[in-house]
Amino acid sequence: MKPLKLYTYANCDTCRRAARWLRAHDLPFTEHPIRETPPSLGELREMLAAQGGEIRKLFNTSGKDYREQGLGEKLPGLTEAAALKLLAENGNLVKRPFLLGAGVALVGFAEPSWSEKVRGG
């Protein structure tokens, strides 16, 4: 099985829980610092498709950068390309943890949905 790719922020407790969960279930993954190396446009597009095209689900809506840029008001008027460009250029804007792999694209950590989608039930 190809390792999963997990984007995390070191000071994020939810990210640490997600990494612990993957280790506890013996699921191989590579961890990437989301602030320093945000997901690529291709990875963001893949996640967007998995989220049913709902761009807002990819944004860290409780983050300081999101609030400071007024994205709550601006996001509905942005094109998909513009929104994805913002995410690819600023890892602080990306909801985390952000997990990609063969047939897996999850953002945020909820153990039941991870069990279902990563482990197949």
PDB file of N, CA and C in Angstrom:
ATOM      1  N   MET A   1       0.839  -1.187   0.000  1.00  0.00           N
ATOM      2  CA  MET A   1       0.000   0.000   0.000  1.00  0.00           C
ATOM      3  C   MET A   1       0.879   1.243   0.000  1.00  0.00           C
ATOM      4  N   LYS A   2       0.596   2.138  -0.912  1.00  0.00           N
ATOM      5  CA  LYS A   2       1.333   3.388  -0.991  1.00  0.00           C
ATOM      6  C   LYS A   2       1.025   4.227   0.253  1.00  0.00           C
ATOM      7  N   PRO A   3       2.055   4.836   0.857  1.00  0.00           N
ATOM      8  CA  PRO A   3       1.793   5.632   2.057  1.00  0.00           C
ATOM      9  C   PRO A   3       0.813   6.779   1.788  1.00  0.00           C
ATOM     10  N   LEU A   4       0.023   7.053   2.784  1.00  0.00           N
ATOM     11  CA  LEU A   4      -0.871   8.199   2.734  1.00  0.00           C
ATOM     12  C   LEU A   4      -0.025   9.455   2.927  1.00  0.00           C
ATOM     13  N   LYS A   5      -0.541  10.572   2.488  1.00  0.00           N
ATOM     14  CA  LYS A   5       0.156  11.846   2.644  1.00  0.00           C
ATOM     15  C   LYS A   5      -0.676  12.701   3.596  1.00  0.00           C
ATOM     16  N   LEU A   6      -0.100  13.030   4.748  1.00  0.00           N
ATOM     17  CA  LEU A   6      -0.799  13.768   5.785  1.00  0.00           C
ATOM     18  C   LEU A   6      -0.156  15.139   5.970  1.00  0.00           C
ATOM     19  N   TYR A   7      -0.936  16.178   5.712  1.00  0.00           N
ATOM     20  CA  TYR A   7      -0.483  17.546   5.956  1.00  0.00           C
ATOM     21  C   TYR A   7      -0.939  17.953   7.346  1.00  0.00           C
ATOM     22  N   THR A   8       0.008  18.423   8.167  1.00  0.00           N
ATOM     23  CA  THR A   8      -0.301  18.790   9.540  1.00  0.00           C
ATOM     24  C   THR A   8       0.382  20.095   9.938  1.00  0.00           C
ATOM     25  N   TYR A   9      -0.051  20.614  11.067  1.00  0.00           N
ATOM     26  CA  TYR A   9       0.596  21.757  11.711  1.00  0.00           C
ATOM     27  C   TYR A   9       1.034  21.253  13.082  1.00  0.00           C
ATOM     28  N   ALA A  10       2.307  21.454  13.412  1.00  0.00           N
ATOM     29  CA  ALA A  10       2.885  20.890  14.633  1.00  0.00           C
ATOM     30  C   ALA A  10       2.133  21.281  15.906  1.00  0.00           C
ATOM     31  N   ASN A  11       1.593  22.488  15.979  1.00  0.00           N
ATOM     32  CA  ASN A  11       0.907  22.937  17.191  1.00  0.00           C
ATOM     33  C   ASN A  11      -0.578  22.599  17.214  1.00  0.00           C
ATOM     34  N   CYS A  12      -1.013  21.775  16.285  1.00  0.00           N
ATOM     35  CA  CYS A  12      -2.435  21.426  16.169  1.00  0.00           C
ATOM     36  C   CYS A  12      -2.700  20.084  16.838  1.00  0.00           C
ATOM     37  N   ASP A  13      -3.476  20.107  17.925  1.00  0.00           N
ATOM     38  CA  ASP A  13      -3.783  18.871  18.647  1.00  0.00           C
ATOM     39  C   ASP A  13      -4.558  17.883  17.774  1.00  0.00           C
ATOM     40  N   THR A  14      -5.463  18.393  16.947  1.00  0.00           N
ATOM     41  CA  THR A  14      -6.241  17.513  16.062  1.00  0.00           C
ATOM     42  C   THR A  14      -5.314  16.807  15.075  1.00  0.00           C
ATOM     43  N   CYS A  15      -4.307  17.512  14.580  1.00  0.00           N
ATOM     44  CA  CYS A  15      -3.328  16.903  13.666  1.00  0.00           C
ATOM     45  C   CYS A  15      -2.549  15.803  14.378  1.00  0.00           C
ATOM     46  N   ARG A  16      -2.151  16.063  15.615  1.00  0.00           N
ATOM     47  CA  ARG A  16      -1.409  15.048  16.385  1.00  0.00           C
ATOM     48  C   ARG A  16      -2.285  13.819  16.631  1.00  0.00           C
ATOM     49  N   ARG A  17      -3.574  14.035  16.926  1.00  0.00           N
ATOM     50  CA  ARG A  17      -4.496  12.903  17.125  1.00  0.00           C
ATOM     51  C   ARG A  17      -4.639  12.091  15.839  1.00  0.00           C
ATOM     52  N   ALA A  18      -4.727  12.777  14.703  1.00  0.00           N
ATOM     53  CA  ALA A  18      -4.863  12.078  13.420  1.00  0.00           C
ATOM     54  C   ALA A  18      -3.621  11.227  13.139  1.00  0.00           C
ATOM     55  N   ALA A  19      -2.439  11.784  13.369  1.00  0.00           N
ATOM     56  CA  ALA A  19      -1.196  11.030  13.143  1.00  0.00           C
ATOM     57  C   ALA A  19      -1.123   9.836  14.094  1.00  0.00           C
ATOM     58  N   ARG A  20      -1.508  10.051  15.357  1.00  0.00           N
ATOM     59  CA  ARG A  20      -1.531   8.947  16.326  1.00  0.00           C
ATOM     60  C   ARG A  20      -2.486   7.854  15.877  1.00  0.00           C
ATOM     61  N   TRP A  21      -3.649   8.242  15.366  1.00  0.00           N
ATOM     62  CA  TRP A  21      -4.652   7.281  14.900  1.00  0.00           C
ATOM     63  C   TRP A  21      -4.087   6.451  13.743  1.00  0.00           C
ATOM     64  N   LEU A  22      -3.437   7.102  12.792  1.00  0.00           N
ATOM     65  CA  LEU A  22      -2.853   6.382  11.656  1.00  0.00           C
ATOM     66  C   LEU A  22      -1.805   5.379  12.144  1.00  0.00           C
ATOM     67  N   ARG A  23      -0.943   5.815  13.073  1.00  0.00           N
ATOM     68  CA  ARG A  23       0.084   4.910  13.616  1.00  0.00           C
ATOM     69  C   ARG A  23      -0.554   3.739  14.356  1.00  0.00           C
ATOM     70  N   ALA A  24      -1.584   4.017  15.159  1.00  0.00           N
ATOM     71  CA  ALA A  24      -2.253   2.977  15.943  1.00  0.00           C
ATOM     72  C   ALA A  24      -2.892   1.916  15.044  1.00  0.00           C
ATOM     73  N   HIS A  25      -3.244   2.305  13.823  1.00  0.00           N
ATOM     74  CA  HIS A  25      -3.862   1.372  12.884  1.00  0.00           C
ATOM     75  C   HIS A  25      -2.857   0.850  11.839  1.00  0.00           C
ATOM     76  N   ASP A  26      -1.570   1.061  12.121  1.00  0.00           N
ATOM     77  CA  ASP A  26      -0.488   0.575  11.244  1.00  0.00           C
ATOM     78  C   ASP A  26      -0.676   0.995   9.796  1.00  0.00           C
ATOM     79  N   LEU A  27      -1.103   2.241   9.606  1.00  0.00           N
ATOM     80  CA  LEU A  27      -1.284   2.768   8.256  1.00  0.00           C
ATOM     81  C   LEU A  27      -0.082   3.636   7.906  1.00  0.00           C
ATOM     82  N   PRO A  28       0.673   3.245   6.877  1.00  0.00           N
ATOM     83  CA  PRO A  28       1.865   4.021   6.521  1.00  0.00           C
ATOM     84  C   PRO A  28       1.480   5.400   5.972  1.00  0.00           C
ATOM     85  N   PHE A  29       2.211   6.428   6.426  1.00  0.00           N
ATOM     86  CA  PHE A  29       1.950   7.775   5.929  1.00  0.00           C
ATOM     87  C   PHE A  29       3.216   8.610   6.008  1.00  0.00           C
ATOM     88  N   THR A  30       3.246   9.619   5.160  1.00  0.00           N
ATOM     89  CA  THR A  30       4.314  10.613   5.245  1.00  0.00           C
ATOM     90  C   THR A  30       3.663  11.895   5.732  1.00  0.00           C
ATOM     91  N   GLU A  31       4.351  12.566   6.639  1.00  0.00           N
ATOM     92  CA  GLU A  31       3.809  13.786   7.227  1.00  0.00           C
ATOM     93  C   GLU A  31       4.502  14.997   6.616  1.00  0.00           C
ATOM     94  N   HIS A  32       3.702  16.004   6.292  1.00  0.00           N
ATOM     95  CA  HIS A  32       4.215  17.216   5.647  1.00  0.00           C
ATOM     96  C   HIS A  32       3.726  18.438   6.411  1.00  0.00           C
ATOM     97  N   PRO A  33       4.618  19.394   6.690  1.00  0.00           N
ATOM     98  CA  PRO A  33       4.198  20.611   7.397  1.00  0.00           C
ATOM     99  C   PRO A  33       3.366  21.507   6.476  1.00  0.00           C
ATOM    100  N   ILE A  34       2.098  21.680   6.816  1.00  0.00           N
ATOM    101  CA  ILE A  34       1.150  22.372   5.938  1.00  0.00           C
ATOM    102  C   ILE A  34       1.495  23.842   5.733  1.00  0.00           C
ATOM    103  N   ARG A  35       2.072  24.486   6.739  1.00  0.00           N
ATOM    104  CA  ARG A  35       2.406  25.913   6.600  1.00  0.00           C
ATOM    105  C   ARG A  35       3.581  26.119   5.646  1.00  0.00           C
ATOM    106  N   GLU A  36       4.583  25.258   5.773  1.00  0.00           N
ATOM    107  CA  GLU A  36       5.788  25.394   4.953  1.00  0.00           C
ATOM    108  C   GLU A  36       5.596  24.831   3.553  1.00  0.00           C
ATOM    109  N   THR A  37       4.850  23.746   3.455  1.00  0.00           N
ATOM    110  CA  THR A  37       4.621  23.099   2.153  1.00  0.00           C
ATOM    111  C   THR A  37       3.134  22.795   1.993  1.00  0.00           C
ATOM    112  N   PRO A  38       2.345  23.801   1.622  1.00  0.00           N
ATOM    113  CA  PRO A  38       0.905  23.572   1.452  1.00  0.00           C
ATOM    114  C   PRO A  38       0.638  22.567   0.337  1.00  0.00           C
ATOM    115  N   PRO A  39      -0.543  21.966   0.351  1.00  0.00           N
ATOM    116  CA  PRO A  39      -0.901  21.047  -0.734  1.00  0.00           C
ATOM    117  C   PRO A  39      -0.816  21.754  -2.092  1.00  0.00           C
ATOM    118  N   SER A  40      -0.475  20.994  -3.115  1.00  0.00           N
ATOM    119  CA  SER A  40      -0.372  21.540  -4.469  1.00  0.00           C
ATOM    120  C   SER A  40      -1.765  21.809  -5.034  1.00  0.00           C
ATOM    121  N   LEU A  41      -1.819  22.536  -6.130  1.00  0.00           N
ATOM    122  CA  LEU A  41      -3.109  22.784  -6.788  1.00  0.00           C
ATOM    123  C   LEU A  41      -3.792  21.469  -7.159  1.00  0.00           C
ATOM    124  N   GLY A  42      -3.013  20.512  -7.654  1.00  0.00           N
ATOM    125  CA  GLY A  42      -3.576  19.209  -8.014  1.00  0.00           C
ATOM    126  C   GLY A  42      -4.162  18.495  -6.809  1.00  0.00           C
ATOM    127  N   GLU A  43      -3.444  18.534  -5.685  1.00  0.00           N
ATOM    128  CA  GLU A  43      -3.944  17.901  -4.464  1.00  0.00           C
ATOM    129  C   GLU A  43      -5.191  18.621  -3.956  1.00  0.00           C
ATOM    130  N   LEU A  44      -5.193  19.933  -4.049  1.00  0.00           N
ATOM    131  CA  LEU A  44      -6.365  20.707  -3.627  1.00  0.00           C
ATOM    132  C   LEU A  44      -7.571  20.384  -4.507  1.00  0.00           C
ATOM    133  N   ARG A  45      -7.350  20.242  -5.809  1.00  0.00           N
ATOM    134  CA  ARG A  45      -8.449  19.879  -6.715  1.00  0.00           C
ATOM    135  C   ARG A  45      -9.008  18.488  -6.376  1.00  0.00           C
ATOM    136  N   GLU A  46      -8.098  17.568  -6.073  1.00  0.00           N
ATOM    137  CA  GLU A  46      -8.506  16.215  -5.695  1.00  0.00           C
ATOM    138  C   GLU A  46      -9.364  16.257  -4.421  1.00  0.00           C
ATOM    139  N   MET A  47      -8.928  17.049  -3.439  1.00  0.00           N
ATOM    140  CA  MET A  47      -9.682  17.166  -2.190  1.00  0.00           C
ATOM    141  C   MET A  47     -11.025  17.855  -2.431  1.00  0.00           C
ATOM    142  N   LEU A  48     -11.026  18.865  -3.287  1.00  0.00           N
ATOM    143  CA  LEU A  48     -12.268  19.581  -3.592  1.00  0.00           C
ATOM    144  C   LEU A  48     -13.297  18.632  -4.202  1.00  0.00           C
ATOM    145  N   ALA A  49     -12.852  17.782  -5.109  1.00  0.00           N
ATOM    146  CA  ALA A  49     -13.756  16.805  -5.726  1.00  0.00           C
ATOM    147  C   ALA A  49     -14.315  15.862  -4.665  1.00  0.00           C
ATOM    148  N   ALA A  50     -13.453  15.436  -3.738  1.00  0.00           N
ATOM    149  CA  ALA A  50     -13.885  14.519  -2.680  1.00  0.00           C
ATOM    150  C   ALA A  50     -14.862  15.192  -1.707  1.00  0.00           C
ATOM    151  N   GLN A  51     -14.816  16.515  -1.651  1.00  0.00           N
ATOM    152  CA  GLN A  51     -15.713  17.266  -0.764  1.00  0.00           C
ATOM    153  C   GLN A  51     -16.945  17.762  -1.521  1.00  0.00           C
ATOM    154  N   GLY A  52     -17.220  17.156  -2.655  1.00  0.00           N
ATOM    155  CA  GLY A  52     -18.411  17.499  -3.420  1.00  0.00           C
ATOM    156  C   GLY A  52     -18.385  18.894  -4.010  1.00  0.00           C
ATOM    157  N   GLY A  53     -17.181  19.424  -4.235  1.00  0.00           N
ATOM    158  CA  GLY A  53     -17.056  20.746  -4.846  1.00  0.00           C
ATOM    159  C   GLY A  53     -17.288  21.910  -3.885  1.00  0.00           C
ATOM    160  N   GLU A  54     -17.425  21.615  -2.598  1.00  0.00           N
ATOM    161  CA  GLU A  54     -17.664  22.672  -1.601  1.00  0.00           C
ATOM    162  C   GLU A  54     -16.333  23.274  -1.153  1.00  0.00           C
ATOM    163  N   ILE A  55     -15.938  24.364  -1.791  1.00  0.00           N
ATOM    164  CA  ILE A  55     -14.632  24.985  -1.561  1.00  0.00           C
ATOM    165  C   ILE A  55     -14.432  25.387  -0.098  1.00  0.00           C
ATOM    166  N   ARG A  56     -15.491  25.824   0.556  1.00  0.00           N
ATOM    167  CA  ARG A  56     -15.375  26.287   1.944  1.00  0.00           C
ATOM    168  C   ARG A  56     -14.837  25.182   2.857  1.00  0.00           C
ATOM    169  N   LYS A  57     -15.107  23.911   2.533  1.00  0.00           N
ATOM    170  CA  LYS A  57     -14.649  22.789   3.351  1.00  0.00           C
ATOM    171  C   LYS A  57     -13.128  22.660   3.364  1.00  0.00           C
ATOM    172  N   LEU A  58     -12.451  23.281   2.412  1.00  0.00           N
ATOM    173  CA  LEU A  58     -10.998  23.212   2.350  1.00  0.00           C
ATOM    174  C   LEU A  58     -10.329  24.310   3.168  1.00  0.00           C
ATOM    175  N   PHE A  59     -11.102  25.287   3.599  1.00  0.00           N
ATOM    176  CA  PHE A  59     -10.545  26.432   4.326  1.00  0.00           C
ATOM    177  C   PHE A  59     -10.604  26.238   5.837  1.00  0.00           C
ATOM    178  N   ASN A  60      -9.553  26.689   6.502  1.00  0.00           N
ATOM    179  CA  ASN A  60      -9.489  26.743   7.956  1.00  0.00           C
ATOM    180  C   ASN A  60     -10.246  28.009   8.371  1.00  0.00           C
ATOM    181  N   THR A  61     -11.561  27.889   8.472  1.00  0.00           N
ATOM    182  CA  THR A  61     -12.420  29.059   8.685  1.00  0.00           C
ATOM    183  C   THR A  61     -12.266  29.669  10.071  1.00  0.00           C
ATOM    184  N   SER A  62     -11.655  28.952  11.007  1.00  0.00           N
ATOM    185  CA  SER A  62     -11.451  29.518  12.345  1.00  0.00           C
ATOM    186  C   SER A  62     -10.060  30.112  12.504  1.00  0.00           C
ATOM    187  N   GLY A  63      -9.263  30.084  11.439  1.00  0.00           N
ATOM    188  CA  GLY A  63      -7.898  30.584  11.514  1.00  0.00           C
ATOM    189  C   GLY A  63      -7.788  32.098  11.413  1.00  0.00           C
ATOM    190  N   LYS A  64      -6.694  32.600  11.969  1.00  0.00           N
ATOM    191  CA  LYS A  64      -6.424  34.035  11.977  1.00  0.00           C
ATOM    192  C   LYS A  64      -6.300  34.599  10.560  1.00  0.00           C
ATOM    193  N   ASP A  65      -5.584  33.905   9.676  1.00  0.00           N
ATOM    194  CA  ASP A  65      -5.396  34.397   8.307  1.00  0.00           C
ATOM    195  C   ASP A  65      -6.735  34.514   7.583  1.00  0.00           C
ATOM    196  N   TYR A  66      -7.610  33.545   7.797  1.00  0.00           N
ATOM    197  CA  TYR A  66      -8.937  33.540   7.162  1.00  0.00           C
ATOM    198  C   TYR A  66      -9.721  34.775   7.611  1.00  0.00           C
ATOM    199  N   ARG A  67      -9.710  35.020   8.923  1.00  0.00           N
ATOM    200  CA  ARG A  67     -10.440  36.176   9.471  1.00  0.00           C
ATOM    201  C   ARG A  67      -9.823  37.494   9.015  1.00  0.00           C
ATOM    202  N   GLU A  68      -8.485  37.586   9.092  1.00  0.00           N
ATOM    203  CA  GLU A  68      -7.805  38.837   8.734  1.00  0.00           C
ATOM    204  C   GLU A  68      -8.022  39.218   7.273  1.00  0.00           C
ATOM    205  N   GLN A  69      -8.140  38.222   6.411  1.00  0.00           N
ATOM    206  CA  GLN A  69      -8.354  38.493   4.993  1.00  0.00           C
ATOM    207  C   GLN A  69      -9.833  38.668   4.649  1.00  0.00           C
ATOM    208  N   GLY A  70     -10.696  38.549   5.651  1.00  0.00           N
ATOM    209  CA  GLY A  70     -12.131  38.714   5.417  1.00  0.00           C
ATOM    210  C   GLY A  70     -12.692  37.695   4.454  1.00  0.00           C
ATOM    211  N   LEU A  71     -12.142  36.479   4.489  1.00  0.00           N
ATOM    212  CA  LEU A  71     -12.549  35.471   3.509  1.00  0.00           C
ATOM    213  C   LEU A  71     -13.973  34.958   3.727  1.00  0.00           C
ATOM    214  N   GLY A  72     -14.501  35.118   4.913  1.00  0.00           N
ATOM    215  CA  GLY A  72     -15.883  34.728   5.151  1.00  0.00           C
ATOM    216  C   GLY A  72     -16.825  35.458   4.211  1.00  0.00           C
ATOM    217  N   GLU A  73     -16.517  36.737   3.967  1.00  0.00           N
ATOM    218  CA  GLU A  73     -17.331  37.548   3.066  1.00  0.00           C
ATOM    219  C   GLU A  73     -16.886  37.409   1.612  1.00  0.00           C
ATOM    220  N   LYS A  74     -15.576  37.266   1.400  1.00  0.00           N
ATOM    221  CA  LYS A  74     -15.037  37.242   0.037  1.00  0.00           C
ATOM    222  C   LYS A  74     -15.191  35.895  -0.673  1.00  0.00           C
ATOM    223  N   LEU A  75     -15.132  34.807   0.091  1.00  0.00           N
ATOM    224  CA  LEU A  75     -15.098  33.469  -0.507  1.00  0.00           C
ATOM    225  C   LEU A  75     -16.245  33.193  -1.489  1.00  0.00           C
ATOM    226  N   PRO A  76     -17.487  33.551  -1.159  1.00  0.00           N
ATOM    227  CA  PRO A  76     -18.574  33.261  -2.105  1.00  0.00           C
ATOM    228  C   PRO A  76     -18.389  33.935  -3.481  1.00  0.00           C
ATOM    229  N   GLY A  77     -17.660  35.039  -3.530  1.00  0.00           N
ATOM    230  CA  GLY A  77     -17.462  35.747  -4.791  1.00  0.00           C
ATOM    231  C   GLY A  77     -16.213  35.341  -5.547  1.00  0.00           C
ATOM    232  N   LEU A  78     -15.389  34.490  -4.960  1.00  0.00           N
ATOM    233  CA  LEU A  78     -14.152  34.066  -5.619  1.00  0.00           C
ATOM    234  C   LEU A  78     -14.418  32.937  -6.605  1.00  0.00           C
ATOM    235  N   THR A  79     -13.662  32.926  -7.678  1.00  0.00           N
ATOM    236  CA  THR A  79     -13.731  31.787  -8.589  1.00  0.00           C
ATOM    237  C   THR A  79     -13.042  30.603  -7.902  1.00  0.00           C
ATOM    238  N   GLU A  80     -13.338  29.412  -8.360  1.00  0.00           N
ATOM    239  CA  GLU A  80     -12.689  28.228  -7.815  1.00  0.00           C
ATOM    240  C   GLU A  80     -11.174  28.339  -7.968  1.00  0.00           C
ATOM    241  N   ALA A  81     -10.719  28.791  -9.132  1.00  0.00           N
ATOM    242  CA  ALA A  81      -9.276  28.921  -9.390  1.00  0.00           C
ATOM    243  C   ALA A  81      -8.630  29.897  -8.410  1.00  0.00           C
ATOM    244  N   ALA A  82      -9.287  31.017  -8.139  1.00  0.00           N
ATOM    245  CA  ALA A  82      -8.738  32.021  -7.221  1.00  0.00           C
ATOM    246  C   ALA A  82      -8.684  31.476  -5.799  1.00  0.00           C
ATOM    247  N   ALA A  83      -9.722  30.759  -5.392  1.00  0.00           N
ATOM    248  CA  ALA A  83      -9.760  30.185  -4.046  1.00  0.00           C
ATOM    249  C   ALA A  83      -8.669  29.123  -3.887  1.00  0.00           C
ATOM    250  N   LEU A  84      -8.513  28.264  -4.880  1.00  0.00           N
ATOM    251  CA  LEU A  84      -7.475  27.230  -4.812  1.00  0.00           C
ATOM    252  C   LEU A  84      -6.083  27.838  -4.800  1.00  0.00           C
ATOM    253  N   LYS A  85      -5.894  28.921  -5.544  1.00  0.00           N
ATOM    254  CA  LYS A  85      -4.597  29.612  -5.567  1.00  0.00           C
ATOM    255  C   LYS A  85      -4.272  30.151  -4.171  1.00  0.00           C
ATOM    256  N   LEU A  86      -5.252  30.741  -3.502  1.00  0.00           N
ATOM    257  CA  LEU A  86      -5.044  31.232  -2.138  1.00  0.00           C
ATOM    258  C   LEU A  86      -4.590  30.099  -1.218  1.00  0.00           C
ATOM    259  N   LEU A  87      -5.256  28.955  -1.310  1.00  0.00           N
ATOM    260  CA  LEU A  87      -4.916  27.806  -0.472  1.00  0.00           C
ATOM    261  C   LEU A  87      -3.511  27.278  -0.774  1.00  0.00           C
ATOM    262  N   ALA A  88      -3.183  27.183  -2.056  1.00  0.00           N
ATOM    263  CA  ALA A  88      -1.870  26.650  -2.452  1.00  0.00           C
ATOM    264  C   ALA A  88      -0.730  27.563  -2.028  1.00  0.00           C
ATOM    265  N   GLU A  89      -1.027  28.854  -1.881  1.00  0.00           N
ATOM    266  CA  GLU A  89       0.014  29.824  -1.524  1.00  0.00           C
ATOM    267  C   GLU A  89       0.122  30.078  -0.025  1.00  0.00           C
ATOM    268  N   ASN A  90      -0.879  29.653   0.758  1.00  0.00           N
ATOM    269  CA  ASN A  90      -0.871  29.943   2.191  1.00  0.00           C
ATOM    270  C   ASN A  90      -1.430  28.738   2.945  1.00  0.00           C
ATOM    271  N   GLY A  91      -0.534  27.909   3.448  1.00  0.00           N
ATOM    272  CA  GLY A  91      -0.945  26.716   4.181  1.00  0.00           C
ATOM    273  C   GLY A  91      -1.752  27.017   5.431  1.00  0.00           C
ATOM    274  N   ASN A  92      -1.641  28.242   5.969  1.00  0.00           N
ATOM    275  CA  ASN A  92      -2.436  28.619   7.138  1.00  0.00           C
ATOM    276  C   ASN A  92      -3.927  28.630   6.814  1.00  0.00           C
ATOM    277  N   LEU A  93      -4.265  28.798   5.555  1.00  0.00           N
ATOM    278  CA  LEU A  93      -5.667  28.868   5.154  1.00  0.00           C
ATOM    279  C   LEU A  93      -6.300  27.490   4.975  1.00  0.00           C
ATOM    280  N   VAL A  94      -5.471  26.452   4.870  1.00  0.00           N
ATOM    281  CA  VAL A  94      -5.969  25.109   4.575  1.00  0.00           C
ATOM    282  C   VAL A  94      -6.436  24.409   5.849  1.00  0.00           C
ATOM    283  N   LYS A  95      -7.646  23.856   5.805  1.00  0.00           N
ATOM    284  CA  LYS A  95      -8.165  23.078   6.944  1.00  0.00           C
ATOM    285  C   LYS A  95      -7.273  21.864   7.126  1.00  0.00           C
ATOM    286  N   ARG A  96      -7.007  21.556   8.360  1.00  0.00           N
ATOM    287  CA  ARG A  96      -6.115  20.453   8.678  1.00  0.00           C
ATOM    288  C   ARG A  96      -6.727  19.584   9.763  1.00  0.00           C
ATOM    289  N   PRO A  97      -6.250  18.352   9.867  1.00  0.00           N
ATOM    290  CA  PRO A  97      -5.317  17.683   8.972  1.00  0.00           C
ATOM    291  C   PRO A  97      -5.938  17.444   7.597  1.00  0.00           C
ATOM    292  N   PHE A  98      -5.055  17.268   6.646  1.00  0.00           N
ATOM    293  CA  PHE A  98      -5.407  17.142   5.225  1.00  0.00           C
ATOM    294  C   PHE A  98      -4.764  15.842   4.772  1.00  0.00           C
ATOM    295  N   LEU A  99      -5.572  14.817   4.481  1.00  0.00           N
ATOM    296  CA  LEU A  99      -5.063  13.472   4.191  1.00  0.00           C
ATOM    297  C   LEU A  99      -5.419  13.041   2.778  1.00  0.00           C
ATOM    298  N   LEU A 100      -4.410  12.615   2.036  1.00  0.00           N
ATOM    299  CA  LEU A 100      -4.610  12.118   0.668  1.00  0.00           C
ATOM    300  C   LEU A 100      -3.926  10.772   0.495  1.00  0.00           C
ATOM    301  N   GLY A 101      -4.532   9.932  -0.322  1.00  0.00           N
ATOM    302  CA  GLY A 101      -3.945   8.643  -0.659  1.00  0.00           C
ATOM    303  C   GLY A 101      -4.805   7.988  -1.719  1.00  0.00           C
ATOM    304  N   ALA A 102      -4.477   6.767  -2.068  1.00  0.00           N
ATOM    305  CA  ALA A 102      -5.242   6.040  -3.083  1.00  0.00           C
ATOM    306  C   ALA A 102      -6.688   5.884  -2.623  1.00  0.00           C
ATOM    307  N   GLY A 103      -7.581   6.617  -3.254  1.00  0.00           N
ATOM    308  CA  GLY A 103      -8.998   6.543  -2.917  1.00  0.00           C
ATOM    309  C   GLY A 103      -9.374   7.228  -1.611  1.00  0.00           C
ATOM    310  N   VAL A 104      -8.446   7.995  -1.039  1.00  0.00           N
ATOM    311  CA  VAL A 104      -8.684   8.670   0.243  1.00  0.00           C
ATOM    312  C   VAL A 104      -8.419  10.160   0.083  1.00  0.00           C
ATOM    313  N   ALA A 105      -9.373  10.974   0.503  1.00  0.00           N
ATOM    314  CA  ALA A 105      -9.212  12.432   0.513  1.00  0.00           C
ATOM    315  C   ALA A 105     -10.078  12.973   1.643  1.00  0.00           C
ATOM    316  N   LEU A 106      -9.427  13.252   2.780  1.00  0.00           N
ATOM    317  CA  LEU A 106     -10.146  13.701   3.967  1.00  0.00           C
ATOM    318  C   LEU A 106      -9.527  14.980   4.512  1.00  0.00           C
ATOM    319  N   VAL A 107     -10.382  15.859   4.985  1.00  0.00           N
ATOM    320  CA  VAL A 107      -9.922  17.094   5.592  1.00  0.00           C
ATOM    321  C   VAL A 107     -10.600  17.196   6.951  1.00  0.00           C
ATOM    322  N   GLY A 108      -9.825  17.585   7.978  1.00  0.00           N
ATOM    323  CA  GLY A 108     -10.328  17.542   9.342  1.00  0.00           C
ATOM    324  C   GLY A 108     -10.217  16.109   9.843  1.00  0.00           C
ATOM    325  N   PHE A 109     -10.353  15.912  11.149  1.00  0.00           N
ATOM    326  CA  PHE A 109     -10.243  14.559  11.692  1.00  0.00           C
ATOM    327  C   PHE A 109     -11.490  14.204  12.484  1.00  0.00           C
ATOM    328  N   ALA A 110     -12.168  13.187  12.013  1.00  0.00           N
ATOM    329  CA  ALA A 110     -13.305  12.598  12.720  1.00  0.00           C
ATOM    330  C   ALA A 110     -13.104  11.097  12.627  1.00  0.00           C
ATOM    331  N   GLU A 111     -12.814  10.473  13.750  1.00  0.00           N
ATOM    332  CA  GLU A 111     -12.450   9.059  13.748  1.00  0.00           C
ATOM    333  C   GLU A 111     -13.436   8.157  13.004  1.00  0.00           C
ATOM    334  N   PRO A 112     -14.759   8.321  13.174  1.00  0.00           N
ATOM    335  CA  PRO A 112     -15.677   7.429  12.438  1.00  0.00           C
ATOM    336  C   PRO A 112     -15.513   7.515  10.916  1.00  0.00           C
ATOM    337  N   SER A 113     -15.419   8.724  10.383  1.00  0.00           N
ATOM    338  CA  SER A 113     -15.292   8.829   8.925  1.00  0.00           C
ATOM    339  C   SER A 113     -13.909   8.354   8.465  1.00  0.00           C
ATOM    340  N   TRP A 114     -12.867   8.578   9.265  1.00  0.00           N
ATOM    341  CA  TRP A 114     -11.548   8.071   8.890  1.00  0.00           C
ATOM    342  C   TRP A 114     -11.562   6.542   8.891  1.00  0.00           C
ATOM    343  N   SER A 115     -12.201   5.940   9.902  1.00  0.00           N
ATOM    344  CA  SER A 115     -12.275   4.473   9.956  1.00  0.00           C
ATOM    345  C   SER A 115     -12.950   3.931   8.703  1.00  0.00           C
ATOM    346  N   GLU A 116     -14.041   4.576   8.320  1.00  0.00           N
ATOM    347  CA  GLU A 116     -14.797   4.127   7.164  1.00  0.00           C
ATOM    348  C   GLU A 116     -14.011   4.317   5.864  1.00  0.00           C
ATOM    349  N   LYS A 117     -13.410   5.482   5.695  1.00  0.00           N
ATOM    350  CA  LYS A 117     -12.788   5.809   4.405  1.00  0.00           C
ATOM    351  C   LYS A 117     -11.342   5.342   4.276  1.00  0.00           C
ATOM    352  N   VAL A 118     -10.593   5.319   5.377  1.00  0.00           N
ATOM    353  CA  VAL A 118      -9.195   4.920   5.306  1.00  0.00           C
ATOM    354  C   VAL A 118      -9.041   3.412   5.468  1.00  0.00           C
ATOM    355  N   ARG A 119      -9.827   2.846   6.359  1.00  0.00           N
ATOM    356  CA  ARG A 119      -9.708   1.421   6.647  1.00  0.00           C
ATOM    357  C   ARG A 119     -10.784   0.595   5.971  1.00  0.00           C
ATOM    358  N   GLY A 120     -11.717   1.254   5.312  1.00  0.00           N
ATOM    359  CA  GLY A 120     -12.762   0.520   4.619  1.00  0.00           C
ATOM    360  C   GLY A 120     -13.825  -0.064   5.540  1.00  0.00           C
ATOM    361  N   GLY A 121     -14.077   0.648   6.640  1.00  0.00           N
ATOM    362  CA  GLY A 121     -15.135   0.196   7.545  1.00  0.00           C
ATOM    363  C   GLY A 121     -14.545  -0.143   8.842  1.00  0.00           C
TER     364      GLY A 121
END
